[in-house]
Amino acid sequence: MDNSSYVSYKIEDRSYLSFVKREIHNLLVQAGFSTTRVGEVDIIVSELTSNLIKHAGQGELLYRLGRDEENTEVFEIYCLDNGVGTDDIQRMMRDGVSTTNTLGNGLGAIQRLSNFFQVYSMSGMGTVVVSKNYATPPRLSQKSVHGLDIKALQVNYPGEQVCGDGYEVVRTDQETRIFVGDGLGHGPHAHTAVQEAIAAFRLCTSPSAVEVLRFIHQQVKKTRGLVASVAILNHETKKWSICGIGNISTRLHQGLQYKNYMSHNGIVGMNIPNTMHDFTAEANHFQTIVMCSDGIRTRWELSKYNGLLKYDAGIIASVLFKEHARRNDDMTVLVGKVNY
């Protein structure tokens, strides 16, 4: 799974639009996207940004060029705003419907041109839109293959070129293993710590989240250290093994009911408890796991967002990011949806 960070652009007035469009256009050209595909993404970006200004006045774009879990190149863009929102998004999706005396074809055009498109909006909260666009069509649906659909948003500390947060997902036929870590501080040294932890995580095959963290601890002692959480879903037993050290928050949702999994005190690579235990839980259909670094505030309730759990994991992650990002640290939110 591609764990690269998203570029974040605050769009505050129309003067920002041409710069962002040019940056994305050049990114796709350099990546070898076809002329036709680049032109289609140009339209998507133009519609997203113009809608942002017309309906909300300002907002934020998150985008990256990466690879999905089938190693297919994909351009992903999220558009976030704090406008008035709507409780009737289906009406707004229909061509010809507009609240600003325009043609009203914007969202429909984005949907038609995107390989994947979803929009969530709620009155008083604003709107989030996600569009994913492949250089070549994707081969397989991840939901049908893996039993756990995972999406993550990761954004650097403002002004930093590298991220002190990191996440990794390792899949086999038997299990899905998830790591979320946060190197102490931010910048290059924090980035080094979390990247070495990810390398260790990839090597360890223990079914115990505790033992995985102990292994990582031994491997990163020459770094400044980090806080981290590991969640392992065994697809055969349909059970979770979860353990954390430090302030990575982990929550399992079953519908609107949820349980927080408390982390142990300590710093991976420096000092961890002698006694730790795996938290175990049954994995159920429609269950959702959310893991956040401390760049995301912890006092959030998914029940506040009408019907949000029905949406793609990326939409859930983007709503939590939009509403609860601290903006003064590296920020990561990972969401996984069980789909047995």
C-alpha atoms as a PDB file:
ATOM      1  CA  MET A   1       0.000   0.000   0.000  1.00  0.00           C
ATOM      2  CA  ASP A   2       1.344   3.421  -0.971  1.00  0.00           C
ATOM      3  CA  ASN A   3       2.033   5.349   2.236  1.00  0.00           C
ATOM      4  CA  SER A   4       3.271   8.606   0.734  1.00  0.00           C
ATOM      5  CA  SER A   5       1.976  11.925   2.040  1.00  0.00           C
ATOM      6  CA  TYR A   6      -0.577  14.147   0.345  1.00  0.00           C
ATOM      7  CA  VAL A   7       0.249  17.624  -0.844  1.00  0.00           C
ATOM      8  CA  SER A   8      -2.012  20.157   0.886  1.00  0.00           C
ATOM      9  CA  TYR A   9      -3.088  23.423  -0.729  1.00  0.00           C
ATOM     10  CA  LYS A  10      -5.319  25.946   0.994  1.00  0.00           C
ATOM     11  CA  ILE A  11      -7.525  27.612  -1.638  1.00  0.00           C
ATOM     12  CA  GLU A  12      -8.503  31.039  -0.322  1.00  0.00           C
ATOM     13  CA  ASP A  13      -9.448  32.913  -3.506  1.00  0.00           C
ATOM     14  CA  ARG A  14      -9.395  32.509  -7.293  1.00  0.00           C
ATOM     15  CA  SER A  15      -5.791  33.680  -7.586  1.00  0.00           C
ATOM     16  CA  TYR A  16      -4.659  30.281  -6.240  1.00  0.00           C
ATOM     17  CA  LEU A  17      -6.478  28.238  -8.860  1.00  0.00           C
ATOM     18  CA  SER A  18      -4.219  28.610 -11.895  1.00  0.00           C
ATOM     19  CA  PHE A  19      -1.130  27.711  -9.856  1.00  0.00           C
ATOM     20  CA  VAL A  20      -2.677  24.527  -8.444  1.00  0.00           C
ATOM     21  CA  LYS A  21      -4.038  23.458 -11.830  1.00  0.00           C
ATOM     22  CA  ARG A  22      -0.615  23.943 -13.433  1.00  0.00           C
ATOM     23  CA  GLU A  23       1.152  21.995 -10.672  1.00  0.00           C
ATOM     24  CA  ILE A  24      -1.173  19.013 -11.050  1.00  0.00           C
ATOM     25  CA  HIS A  25      -1.068  19.155 -14.863  1.00  0.00           C
ATOM     26  CA  ASN A  26       2.744  19.101 -14.883  1.00  0.00           C
ATOM     27  CA  LEU A  27       2.822  16.292 -12.300  1.00  0.00           C
ATOM     28  CA  LEU A  28       0.692  14.035 -14.502  1.00  0.00           C
ATOM     29  CA  VAL A  29       2.572  14.893 -17.687  1.00  0.00           C
ATOM     30  CA  GLN A  30       5.892  14.025 -16.020  1.00  0.00           C
ATOM     31  CA  ALA A  31       4.362  10.762 -14.732  1.00  0.00           C
ATOM     32  CA  GLY A  32       3.517   9.708 -18.293  1.00  0.00           C
ATOM     33  CA  PHE A  33      -0.286   9.986 -18.181  1.00  0.00           C
ATOM     34  CA  SER A  34      -1.719  10.131 -21.704  1.00  0.00           C
ATOM     35  CA  THR A  35      -2.708  13.484 -23.184  1.00  0.00           C
ATOM     36  CA  THR A  36      -6.366  12.450 -23.019  1.00  0.00           C
ATOM     37  CA  ARG A  37      -6.133  11.380 -19.378  1.00  0.00           C
ATOM     38  CA  VAL A  38      -4.291  14.563 -18.397  1.00  0.00           C
ATOM     39  CA  GLY A  39      -7.003  16.625 -20.093  1.00  0.00           C
ATOM     40  CA  GLU A  40      -9.723  14.760 -18.201  1.00  0.00           C
ATOM     41  CA  VAL A  41      -7.988  15.341 -14.863  1.00  0.00           C
ATOM     42  CA  ASP A  42      -7.548  19.018 -15.806  1.00  0.00           C
ATOM     43  CA  ILE A  43     -11.336  19.256 -16.100  1.00  0.00           C
ATOM     44  CA  ILE A  44     -11.830  17.472 -12.759  1.00  0.00           C
ATOM     45  CA  VAL A  45      -9.448  19.838 -10.964  1.00  0.00           C
ATOM     46  CA  SER A  46     -11.017  22.872 -12.635  1.00  0.00           C
ATOM     47  CA  GLU A  47     -14.532  21.828 -11.586  1.00  0.00           C
ATOM     48  CA  LEU A  48     -13.466  20.986  -8.023  1.00  0.00           C
ATOM     49  CA  THR A  49     -11.676  24.281  -7.474  1.00  0.00           C
ATOM     50  CA  SER A  50     -14.351  26.437  -9.092  1.00  0.00           C
ATOM     51  CA  ASN A  51     -17.032  24.718  -6.989  1.00  0.00           C
ATOM     52  CA  LEU A  52     -14.910  25.373  -3.902  1.00  0.00           C
ATOM     53  CA  ILE A  53     -14.811  29.102  -4.563  1.00  0.00           C
ATOM     54  CA  LYS A  54     -18.433  29.414  -5.720  1.00  0.00           C
ATOM     55  CA  HIS A  55     -20.070  27.439  -2.920  1.00  0.00           C
ATOM     56  CA  ALA A  56     -17.738  27.764   0.082  1.00  0.00           C
ATOM     57  CA  GLY A  57     -15.463  30.715  -0.654  1.00  0.00           C
ATOM     58  CA  GLN A  58     -12.371  28.738   0.353  1.00  0.00           C
ATOM     59  CA  GLY A  59     -11.209  25.255   1.262  1.00  0.00           C
ATOM     60  CA  GLU A  60      -8.401  22.749   0.899  1.00  0.00           C
ATOM     61  CA  LEU A  61      -7.125  20.341  -1.744  1.00  0.00           C
ATOM     62  CA  LEU A  62      -5.201  17.201  -0.819  1.00  0.00           C
ATOM     63  CA  TYR A  63      -3.623  15.279  -3.669  1.00  0.00           C
ATOM     64  CA  ARG A  64      -0.914  12.768  -4.483  1.00  0.00           C
ATOM     65  CA  LEU A  65       0.317  10.589  -7.302  1.00  0.00           C
ATOM     66  CA  GLY A  66       0.990   7.070  -6.107  1.00  0.00           C
ATOM     67  CA  ARG A  67       0.229   3.401  -6.620  1.00  0.00           C
ATOM     68  CA  ASP A  68      -2.641   1.306  -5.340  1.00  0.00           C
ATOM     69  CA  GLU A  69      -2.339  -2.154  -3.852  1.00  0.00           C
ATOM     70  CA  GLU A  70      -2.292  -3.732  -7.314  1.00  0.00           C
ATOM     71  CA  ASN A  71       0.703  -1.462  -8.106  1.00  0.00           C
ATOM     72  CA  THR A  72      -1.344   0.571 -10.589  1.00  0.00           C
ATOM     73  CA  GLU A  73      -0.476   4.260 -10.849  1.00  0.00           C
ATOM     74  CA  VAL A  74      -3.268   6.479  -9.558  1.00  0.00           C
ATOM     75  CA  PHE A  75      -3.824  10.197  -8.986  1.00  0.00           C
ATOM     76  CA  GLU A  76      -5.994  10.900  -5.939  1.00  0.00           C
ATOM     77  CA  ILE A  77      -7.495  14.254  -5.026  1.00  0.00           C
ATOM     78  CA  TYR A  78      -9.671  15.278  -2.069  1.00  0.00           C
ATOM     79  CA  CYS A  79     -11.540  18.574  -1.966  1.00  0.00           C
ATOM     80  CA  LEU A  80     -12.563  19.751   1.524  1.00  0.00           C
ATOM     81  CA  ASP A  81     -14.637  22.764   2.495  1.00  0.00           C
ATOM     82  CA  ASN A  82     -16.464  24.230   5.489  1.00  0.00           C
ATOM     83  CA  GLY A  83     -19.342  25.700   3.498  1.00  0.00           C
ATOM     84  CA  VAL A  84     -23.025  25.419   4.295  1.00  0.00           C
ATOM     85  CA  GLY A  85     -23.209  21.838   2.977  1.00  0.00           C
ATOM     86  CA  THR A  86     -26.395  20.034   1.988  1.00  0.00           C
ATOM     87  CA  ASP A  87     -28.472  17.096   3.187  1.00  0.00           C
ATOM     88  CA  ASP A  88     -29.635  16.308  -0.364  1.00  0.00           C
ATOM     89  CA  ILE A  89     -26.476  15.481  -2.258  1.00  0.00           C
ATOM     90  CA  GLN A  90     -28.380  13.309  -4.755  1.00  0.00           C
ATOM     91  CA  ARG A  91     -30.217  16.386  -5.968  1.00  0.00           C
ATOM     92  CA  MET A  92     -26.972  18.322  -6.352  1.00  0.00           C
ATOM     93  CA  MET A  93     -25.503  15.466  -8.422  1.00  0.00           C
ATOM     94  CA  ARG A  94     -28.174  15.867 -11.096  1.00  0.00           C
ATOM     95  CA  ASP A  95     -27.099  17.838 -14.157  1.00  0.00           C
ATOM     96  CA  GLY A  96     -28.779  21.225 -14.405  1.00  0.00           C
ATOM     97  CA  VAL A  97     -29.208  21.720 -10.652  1.00  0.00           C
ATOM     98  CA  SER A  98     -27.331  24.797  -9.426  1.00  0.00           C
ATOM     99  CA  THR A  99     -27.542  27.197  -6.483  1.00  0.00           C
ATOM    100  CA  THR A 100     -25.300  29.785  -8.153  1.00  0.00           C
ATOM    101  CA  ASN A 101     -27.022  30.327 -11.514  1.00  0.00           C
ATOM    102  CA  THR A 102     -24.482  28.228 -13.431  1.00  0.00           C
ATOM    103  CA  LEU A 103     -25.049  25.223 -15.702  1.00  0.00           C
ATOM    104  CA  GLY A 104     -24.983  22.804 -12.750  1.00  0.00           C
ATOM    105  CA  ASN A 105     -22.962  20.120 -14.540  1.00  0.00           C
ATOM    106  CA  GLY A 106     -19.849  20.189 -12.334  1.00  0.00           C
ATOM    107  CA  LEU A 107     -20.324  17.221 -10.001  1.00  0.00           C
ATOM    108  CA  GLY A 108     -21.791  15.115 -12.784  1.00  0.00           C
ATOM    109  CA  ALA A 109     -18.802  15.856 -15.007  1.00  0.00           C
ATOM    110  CA  ILE A 110     -16.356  14.931 -12.224  1.00  0.00           C
ATOM    111  CA  GLN A 111     -18.196  11.657 -11.636  1.00  0.00           C
ATOM    112  CA  ARG A 112     -18.199  10.737 -15.333  1.00  0.00           C
ATOM    113  CA  LEU A 113     -14.491  11.452 -15.787  1.00  0.00           C
ATOM    114  CA  SER A 114     -13.255   9.793 -12.562  1.00  0.00           C
ATOM    115  CA  ASN A 115     -12.413   6.114 -12.127  1.00  0.00           C
ATOM    116  CA  PHE A 116     -13.723   6.468  -8.571  1.00  0.00           C
ATOM    117  CA  PHE A 117     -15.808   9.348  -7.248  1.00  0.00           C
ATOM    118  CA  GLN A 118     -17.702   9.958  -4.025  1.00  0.00           C
ATOM    119  CA  VAL A 119     -19.039  13.029  -2.258  1.00  0.00           C
ATOM    120  CA  TYR A 120     -20.254  13.507   1.310  1.00  0.00           C
ATOM    121  CA  SER A 121     -22.016  16.618   2.548  1.00  0.00           C
ATOM    122  CA  MET A 122     -24.052  17.648   5.560  1.00  0.00           C
ATOM    123  CA  SER A 123     -25.786  20.911   6.368  1.00  0.00           C
ATOM    124  CA  GLY A 124     -23.626  23.006   8.666  1.00  0.00           C
ATOM    125  CA  MET A 125     -20.511  20.859   8.170  1.00  0.00           C
ATOM    126  CA  GLY A 126     -19.516  21.396   4.562  1.00  0.00           C
ATOM    127  CA  THR A 127     -18.561  18.964   1.820  1.00  0.00           C
ATOM    128  CA  VAL A 128     -15.778  16.501   0.983  1.00  0.00           C
ATOM    129  CA  VAL A 129     -15.226  15.109  -2.498  1.00  0.00           C
ATOM    130  CA  VAL A 130     -12.813  12.375  -3.580  1.00  0.00           C
ATOM    131  CA  SER A 131     -11.789  11.601  -7.152  1.00  0.00           C
ATOM    132  CA  LYS A 132      -9.350   8.835  -8.149  1.00  0.00           C
ATOM    133  CA  ASN A 133      -7.918   8.611 -11.631  1.00  0.00           C
ATOM    134  CA  TYR A 134      -5.731   5.862 -13.051  1.00  0.00           C
ATOM    135  CA  ALA A 135      -3.133   6.103 -15.770  1.00  0.00           C
ATOM    136  CA  THR A 136      -4.573   2.771 -16.966  1.00  0.00           C
ATOM    137  CA  PRO A 137      -7.794   1.133 -15.683  1.00  0.00           C
ATOM    138  CA  PRO A 138      -7.444  -0.792 -12.381  1.00  0.00           C
ATOM    139  CA  ARG A 139      -7.466  -4.571 -12.641  1.00  0.00           C
ATOM    140  CA  LEU A 140      -9.313  -5.661  -9.516  1.00  0.00           C
ATOM    141  CA  SER A 141     -11.569  -4.357  -6.756  1.00  0.00           C
ATOM    142  CA  GLN A 142      -9.658  -4.337  -3.474  1.00  0.00           C
ATOM    143  CA  LYS A 143     -12.859  -5.026  -1.551  1.00  0.00           C
ATOM    144  CA  SER A 144     -13.419  -8.302  -3.382  1.00  0.00           C
ATOM    145  CA  VAL A 145      -9.841  -9.449  -2.793  1.00  0.00           C
ATOM    146  CA  HIS A 146      -8.782  -8.560   0.710  1.00  0.00           C
ATOM    147  CA  GLY A 147     -11.787  -8.399   3.057  1.00  0.00           C
ATOM    148  CA  LEU A 148     -10.577  -5.092   4.524  1.00  0.00           C
ATOM    149  CA  ASP A 149     -10.780  -1.852   2.554  1.00  0.00           C
ATOM    150  CA  ILE A 150      -8.154   0.590   3.896  1.00  0.00           C
ATOM    151  CA  LYS A 151      -7.592   4.245   3.062  1.00  0.00           C
ATOM    152  CA  ALA A 152      -5.339   6.767   4.790  1.00  0.00           C
ATOM    153  CA  LEU A 153      -4.646  10.481   4.624  1.00  0.00           C
ATOM    154  CA  GLN A 154      -1.200  11.659   5.688  1.00  0.00           C
ATOM    155  CA  VAL A 155      -0.084  15.297   5.543  1.00  0.00           C
ATOM    156  CA  ASN A 156       3.268  16.763   6.560  1.00  0.00           C
ATOM    157  CA  TYR A 157       3.781  19.309   9.314  1.00  0.00           C
ATOM    158  CA  PRO A 158       3.304  22.657   7.518  1.00  0.00           C
ATOM    159  CA  GLY A 159       6.514  23.654   5.787  1.00  0.00           C
ATOM    160  CA  GLU A 160       8.262  20.273   6.106  1.00  0.00           C
ATOM    161  CA  GLN A 161       9.379  18.312   3.043  1.00  0.00           C
ATOM    162  CA  VAL A 162       9.149  14.925   4.771  1.00  0.00           C
ATOM    163  CA  CYS A 163       6.628  13.456   7.194  1.00  0.00           C
ATOM    164  CA  GLY A 164       7.409  12.374  10.745  1.00  0.00           C
ATOM    165  CA  ASP A 165       4.304  10.156  10.695  1.00  0.00           C
ATOM    166  CA  GLY A 166       4.130   6.902   8.781  1.00  0.00           C
ATOM    167  CA  TYR A 167       1.839   3.968   8.154  1.00  0.00           C
ATOM    168  CA  GLU A 168       2.124   0.609   6.440  1.00  0.00           C
ATOM    169  CA  VAL A 169      -0.273  -2.179   5.471  1.00  0.00           C
ATOM    170  CA  VAL A 170       0.985  -5.717   4.796  1.00  0.00           C
ATOM    171  CA  ARG A 171      -1.461  -8.249   3.379  1.00  0.00           C
ATOM    172  CA  THR A 172      -1.360 -12.007   3.024  1.00  0.00           C
ATOM    173  CA  ASP A 173      -4.124 -14.509   2.360  1.00  0.00           C
ATOM    174  CA  GLN A 174      -4.311 -15.174   6.104  1.00  0.00           C
ATOM    175  CA  GLU A 175      -4.161 -11.668   7.570  1.00  0.00           C
ATOM    176  CA  THR A 176      -3.948  -7.918   7.166  1.00  0.00           C
ATOM    177  CA  ARG A 177      -1.338  -6.135   9.298  1.00  0.00           C
ATOM    178  CA  ILE A 178      -1.541  -2.386   9.960  1.00  0.00           C
ATOM    179  CA  PHE A 179       1.095  -0.088  11.433  1.00  0.00           C
ATOM    180  CA  VAL A 180       0.709   3.605  12.317  1.00  0.00           C
ATOM    181  CA  GLY A 181       3.639   5.473  13.857  1.00  0.00           C
ATOM    182  CA  ASP A 182       4.714   8.993  14.783  1.00  0.00           C
ATOM    183  CA  GLY A 183       8.405   9.834  15.141  1.00  0.00           C
ATOM    184  CA  LEU A 184       9.174  12.146  18.055  1.00  0.00           C
ATOM    185  CA  GLY A 185       8.942  15.747  16.897  1.00  0.00           C
ATOM    186  CA  HIS A 186       8.800  16.322  13.160  1.00  0.00           C
ATOM    187  CA  GLY A 187      11.143  16.763  10.214  1.00  0.00           C
ATOM    188  CA  PRO A 188      13.978  14.521   8.913  1.00  0.00           C
ATOM    189  CA  HIS A 189      14.894  12.831  12.223  1.00  0.00           C
ATOM    190  CA  ALA A 190      11.279  11.941  12.991  1.00  0.00           C
ATOM    191  CA  HIS A 191      10.922  10.719   9.407  1.00  0.00           C
ATOM    192  CA  THR A 192      13.974   8.472   9.772  1.00  0.00           C
ATOM    193  CA  ALA A 193      12.628   6.954  12.988  1.00  0.00           C
ATOM    194  CA  VAL A 194       9.248   6.078  11.529  1.00  0.00           C
ATOM    195  CA  GLN A 195      10.695   4.775   8.243  1.00  0.00           C
ATOM    196  CA  GLU A 196      13.035   2.432  10.102  1.00  0.00           C
ATOM    197  CA  ALA A 197      10.055   1.272  12.156  1.00  0.00           C
ATOM    198  CA  ILE A 198       8.134   0.550   8.943  1.00  0.00           C
ATOM    199  CA  ALA A 199      11.071  -1.464   7.596  1.00  0.00           C
ATOM    200  CA  ALA A 200      11.102  -3.524  10.807  1.00  0.00           C
ATOM    201  CA  PHE A 201       7.324  -3.949  10.686  1.00  0.00           C
ATOM    202  CA  ARG A 202       7.594  -5.454   7.204  1.00  0.00           C
ATOM    203  CA  LEU A 203      10.084  -8.036   8.457  1.00  0.00           C
ATOM    204  CA  CYS A 204       8.174  -9.243  11.518  1.00  0.00           C
ATOM    205  CA  THR A 205       5.564 -11.955  10.927  1.00  0.00           C
ATOM    206  CA  SER A 206       4.427 -12.599  14.495  1.00  0.00           C
ATOM    207  CA  PRO A 207       0.635 -12.872  14.874  1.00  0.00           C
ATOM    208  CA  SER A 208       0.899 -10.863  18.112  1.00  0.00           C
ATOM    209  CA  ALA A 209       0.769  -7.059  17.925  1.00  0.00           C
ATOM    210  CA  VAL A 210       2.777  -6.934  21.178  1.00  0.00           C
ATOM    211  CA  GLU A 211       5.581  -9.016  19.707  1.00  0.00           C
ATOM    212  CA  VAL A 212       5.629  -6.906  16.554  1.00  0.00           C
ATOM    213  CA  LEU A 213       6.119  -3.766  18.670  1.00  0.00           C
ATOM    214  CA  ARG A 214       8.865  -5.459  20.697  1.00  0.00           C
ATOM    215  CA  PHE A 215      10.651  -6.381  17.466  1.00  0.00           C
ATOM    216  CA  ILE A 216      10.354  -2.816  16.134  1.00  0.00           C
ATOM    217  CA  HIS A 217      11.644  -1.469  19.464  1.00  0.00           C
ATOM    218  CA  GLN A 218      14.856  -3.450  19.094  1.00  0.00           C
ATOM    219  CA  GLN A 219      15.380  -2.327  15.505  1.00  0.00           C
ATOM    220  CA  VAL A 220      14.978   1.451  15.997  1.00  0.00           C
ATOM    221  CA  LYS A 221      17.113   2.060  19.084  1.00  0.00           C
ATOM    222  CA  LYS A 222      19.570   4.215  17.138  1.00  0.00           C
ATOM    223  CA  THR A 223      16.803   6.649  16.143  1.00  0.00           C
ATOM    224  CA  ARG A 224      15.136   9.331  18.233  1.00  0.00           C
ATOM    225  CA  GLY A 225      12.200   6.948  18.807  1.00  0.00           C
ATOM    226  CA  LEU A 226       8.512   7.007  18.058  1.00  0.00           C
ATOM    227  CA  VAL A 227       5.053   6.131  19.271  1.00  0.00           C
ATOM    228  CA  ALA A 228       3.238   3.396  17.365  1.00  0.00           C
ATOM    229  CA  SER A 229       0.229   1.118  17.182  1.00  0.00           C
ATOM    230  CA  VAL A 230      -0.205  -2.219  15.405  1.00  0.00           C
ATOM    231  CA  ALA A 231      -3.479  -3.901  14.474  1.00  0.00           C
ATOM    232  CA  ILE A 232      -3.543  -7.399  12.945  1.00  0.00           C
ATOM    233  CA  LEU A 233      -6.704  -8.892  11.461  1.00  0.00           C
ATOM    234  CA  ASN A 234      -6.624 -12.668  11.010  1.00  0.00           C
ATOM    235  CA  HIS A 235      -8.974 -13.488   8.138  1.00  0.00           C
ATOM    236  CA  GLU A 236      -9.266 -17.151   9.120  1.00  0.00           C
ATOM    237  CA  THR A 237     -10.204 -16.693  12.793  1.00  0.00           C
ATOM    238  CA  LYS A 238     -11.788 -13.281  12.135  1.00  0.00           C
ATOM    239  CA  LYS A 239     -10.080 -11.805  15.182  1.00  0.00           C
ATOM    240  CA  TRP A 240      -8.129  -8.618  15.779  1.00  0.00           C
ATOM    241  CA  SER A 241      -4.884  -8.332  17.744  1.00  0.00           C
ATOM    242  CA  ILE A 242      -4.226  -4.703  18.738  1.00  0.00           C
ATOM    243  CA  CYS A 243      -1.498  -3.020  20.769  1.00  0.00           C
ATOM    244  CA  GLY A 244      -0.108   0.497  20.985  1.00  0.00           C
ATOM    245  CA  ILE A 245       2.691   2.387  22.739  1.00  0.00           C
ATOM    246  CA  GLY A 246       2.234   6.121  23.109  1.00  0.00           C
ATOM    247  CA  ASN A 247      -0.431   8.417  21.768  1.00  0.00           C
ATOM    248  CA  ILE A 248      -1.606   6.770  18.543  1.00  0.00           C
ATOM    249  CA  SER A 249      -5.353   6.400  18.997  1.00  0.00           C
ATOM    250  CA  THR A 250      -7.133   3.235  17.822  1.00  0.00           C
ATOM    251  CA  ARG A 251     -10.894   2.796  17.767  1.00  0.00           C
ATOM    252  CA  LEU A 252     -13.107  -0.048  16.541  1.00  0.00           C
ATOM    253  CA  HIS A 253     -16.616   0.883  15.425  1.00  0.00           C
ATOM    254  CA  GLN A 254     -19.486  -1.573  15.119  1.00  0.00           C
ATOM    255  CA  GLY A 255     -22.149   0.708  13.736  1.00  0.00           C
ATOM    256  CA  LEU A 256     -22.311   3.709  16.051  1.00  0.00           C
ATOM    257  CA  GLN A 257     -21.041   1.675  19.003  1.00  0.00           C
ATOM    258  CA  TYR A 258     -17.283   1.771  19.474  1.00  0.00           C
ATOM    259  CA  LYS A 259     -14.410   0.854  21.737  1.00  0.00           C
ATOM    260  CA  ASN A 260     -11.181   2.790  22.247  1.00  0.00           C
ATOM    261  CA  TYR A 261      -8.045   0.685  22.661  1.00  0.00           C
ATOM    262  CA  MET A 262      -5.758   2.331  25.199  1.00  0.00           C
ATOM    263  CA  SER A 263      -2.028   2.398  24.429  1.00  0.00           C
ATOM    264  CA  HIS A 264       0.730   1.546  26.872  1.00  0.00           C
ATOM    265  CA  ASN A 265       3.020   4.287  28.140  1.00  0.00           C
ATOM    266  CA  GLY A 266       6.470   4.477  26.594  1.00  0.00           C
ATOM    267  CA  ILE A 267       8.517   5.353  23.521  1.00  0.00           C
ATOM    268  CA  VAL A 268       9.386   2.714  20.944  1.00  0.00           C
ATOM    269  CA  GLY A 269      13.161   2.580  20.594  1.00  0.00           C
ATOM    270  CA  MET A 270      13.774   4.110  24.008  1.00  0.00           C
ATOM    271  CA  ASN A 271      11.650   2.591  26.780  1.00  0.00           C
ATOM    272  CA  ILE A 272       8.655   0.271  26.584  1.00  0.00           C
ATOM    273  CA  PRO A 273       6.855  -1.642  29.346  1.00  0.00           C
ATOM    274  CA  ASN A 274       8.103  -5.085  30.327  1.00  0.00           C
ATOM    275  CA  THR A 275       4.522  -6.286  30.530  1.00  0.00           C
ATOM    276  CA  MET A 276       2.142  -5.644  27.647  1.00  0.00           C
ATOM    277  CA  HIS A 277      -0.775  -7.600  26.277  1.00  0.00           C
ATOM    278  CA  ASP A 278      -2.676  -7.886  23.023  1.00  0.00           C
ATOM    279  CA  PHE A 279      -6.190  -6.530  22.964  1.00  0.00           C
ATOM    280  CA  THR A 280      -8.325  -8.976  21.008  1.00  0.00           C
ATOM    281  CA  ALA A 281     -11.692  -8.413  19.369  1.00  0.00           C
ATOM    282  CA  GLU A 282     -14.018 -10.194  16.990  1.00  0.00           C
ATOM    283  CA  ALA A 283     -14.045  -8.911  13.408  1.00  0.00           C
ATOM    284  CA  ASN A 284     -17.543  -8.398  12.071  1.00  0.00           C
ATOM    285  CA  HIS A 285     -19.106  -7.318   8.797  1.00  0.00           C
ATOM    286  CA  PHE A 286     -19.427  -3.509   8.517  1.00  0.00           C
ATOM    287  CA  GLN A 287     -16.893  -3.008  11.325  1.00  0.00           C
ATOM    288  CA  THR A 288     -14.649   0.047  10.977  1.00  0.00           C
ATOM    289  CA  ILE A 289     -11.195   0.604  12.478  1.00  0.00           C
ATOM    290  CA  VAL A 290      -9.834   4.150  12.826  1.00  0.00           C
ATOM    291  CA  MET A 291      -6.200   4.868  13.740  1.00  0.00           C
ATOM    292  CA  CYS A 292      -4.913   8.441  14.160  1.00  0.00           C
ATOM    293  CA  SER A 293      -1.644  10.116  15.065  1.00  0.00           C
ATOM    294  CA  ASP A 294      -1.788  12.966  17.571  1.00  0.00           C
ATOM    295  CA  GLY A 295      -1.952  15.429  14.682  1.00  0.00           C
ATOM    296  CA  ILE A 296      -5.679  14.569  14.760  1.00  0.00           C
ATOM    297  CA  ARG A 297      -7.702  15.634  17.785  1.00  0.00           C
ATOM    298  CA  THR A 298      -9.127  12.700  19.737  1.00  0.00           C
ATOM    299  CA  ARG A 299     -12.551  13.986  20.763  1.00  0.00           C
ATOM    300  CA  TRP A 300     -14.507  13.112  17.650  1.00  0.00           C
ATOM    301  CA  GLU A 301     -17.757  11.205  17.242  1.00  0.00           C
ATOM    302  CA  LEU A 302     -18.718   9.560  13.958  1.00  0.00           C
ATOM    303  CA  SER A 303     -22.336   9.641  15.127  1.00  0.00           C
ATOM    304  CA  LYS A 304     -22.310  13.411  14.468  1.00  0.00           C
ATOM    305  CA  TYR A 305     -22.023  12.797  10.723  1.00  0.00           C
ATOM    306  CA  ASN A 306     -25.246  11.462   9.281  1.00  0.00           C
ATOM    307  CA  GLY A 307     -24.744   8.188   7.402  1.00  0.00           C
ATOM    308  CA  LEU A 308     -20.966   8.618   7.161  1.00  0.00           C
ATOM    309  CA  LEU A 309     -20.178   4.973   7.950  1.00  0.00           C
ATOM    310  CA  LYS A 310     -21.923   3.925   4.720  1.00  0.00           C
ATOM    311  CA  TYR A 311     -19.290   5.741   2.673  1.00  0.00           C
ATOM    312  CA  ASP A 312     -15.875   4.714   1.365  1.00  0.00           C
ATOM    313  CA  ALA A 313     -13.066   4.562   3.940  1.00  0.00           C
ATOM    314  CA  GLY A 314     -11.376   7.500   2.199  1.00  0.00           C
ATOM    315  CA  ILE A 315     -14.418   9.711   2.698  1.00  0.00           C
ATOM    316  CA  ILE A 316     -14.513   8.825   6.407  1.00  0.00           C
ATOM    317  CA  ALA A 317     -10.800   9.630   6.725  1.00  0.00           C
ATOM    318  CA  SER A 318     -11.202  12.947   4.893  1.00  0.00           C
ATOM    319  CA  VAL A 319     -14.124  14.061   7.086  1.00  0.00           C
ATOM    320  CA  LEU A 320     -12.110  13.317  10.226  1.00  0.00           C
ATOM    321  CA  PHE A 321      -9.120  15.150   8.771  1.00  0.00           C
ATOM    322  CA  LYS A 322     -11.164  18.186   7.743  1.00  0.00           C
ATOM    323  CA  GLU A 323     -12.919  18.461  11.067  1.00  0.00           C
ATOM    324  CA  HIS A 324     -10.183  17.481  13.517  1.00  0.00           C
ATOM    325  CA  ALA A 325      -6.686  18.088  12.070  1.00  0.00           C
ATOM    326  CA  ARG A 326      -4.602  20.133  14.534  1.00  0.00           C
ATOM    327  CA  ARG A 327      -2.504  21.755  11.772  1.00  0.00           C
ATOM    328  CA  ASN A 328       0.506  22.069  14.102  1.00  0.00           C
ATOM    329  CA  ASP A 329       2.041  18.613  13.589  1.00  0.00           C
ATOM    330  CA  ASP A 330       2.283  15.809  11.060  1.00  0.00           C
ATOM    331  CA  MET A 331      -1.208  14.409  10.582  1.00  0.00           C
ATOM    332  CA  THR A 332      -2.339  10.852   9.789  1.00  0.00           C
ATOM    333  CA  VAL A 333      -5.749   9.224   9.849  1.00  0.00           C
ATOM    334  CA  LEU A 334      -6.217   5.634   8.652  1.00  0.00           C
ATOM    335  CA  VAL A 335      -9.614   3.996   8.213  1.00  0.00           C
ATOM    336  CA  GLY A 336     -10.321   0.337   7.459  1.00  0.00           C
ATOM    337  CA  LYS A 337     -13.730  -1.185   6.694  1.00  0.00           C
ATOM    338  CA  VAL A 338     -14.297  -4.923   7.138  1.00  0.00           C
ATOM    339  CA  ASN A 339     -16.260  -6.330   4.190  1.00  0.00           C
ATOM    340  CA  TYR A 340     -16.431 -10.092   4.767  1.00  0.00           C
END
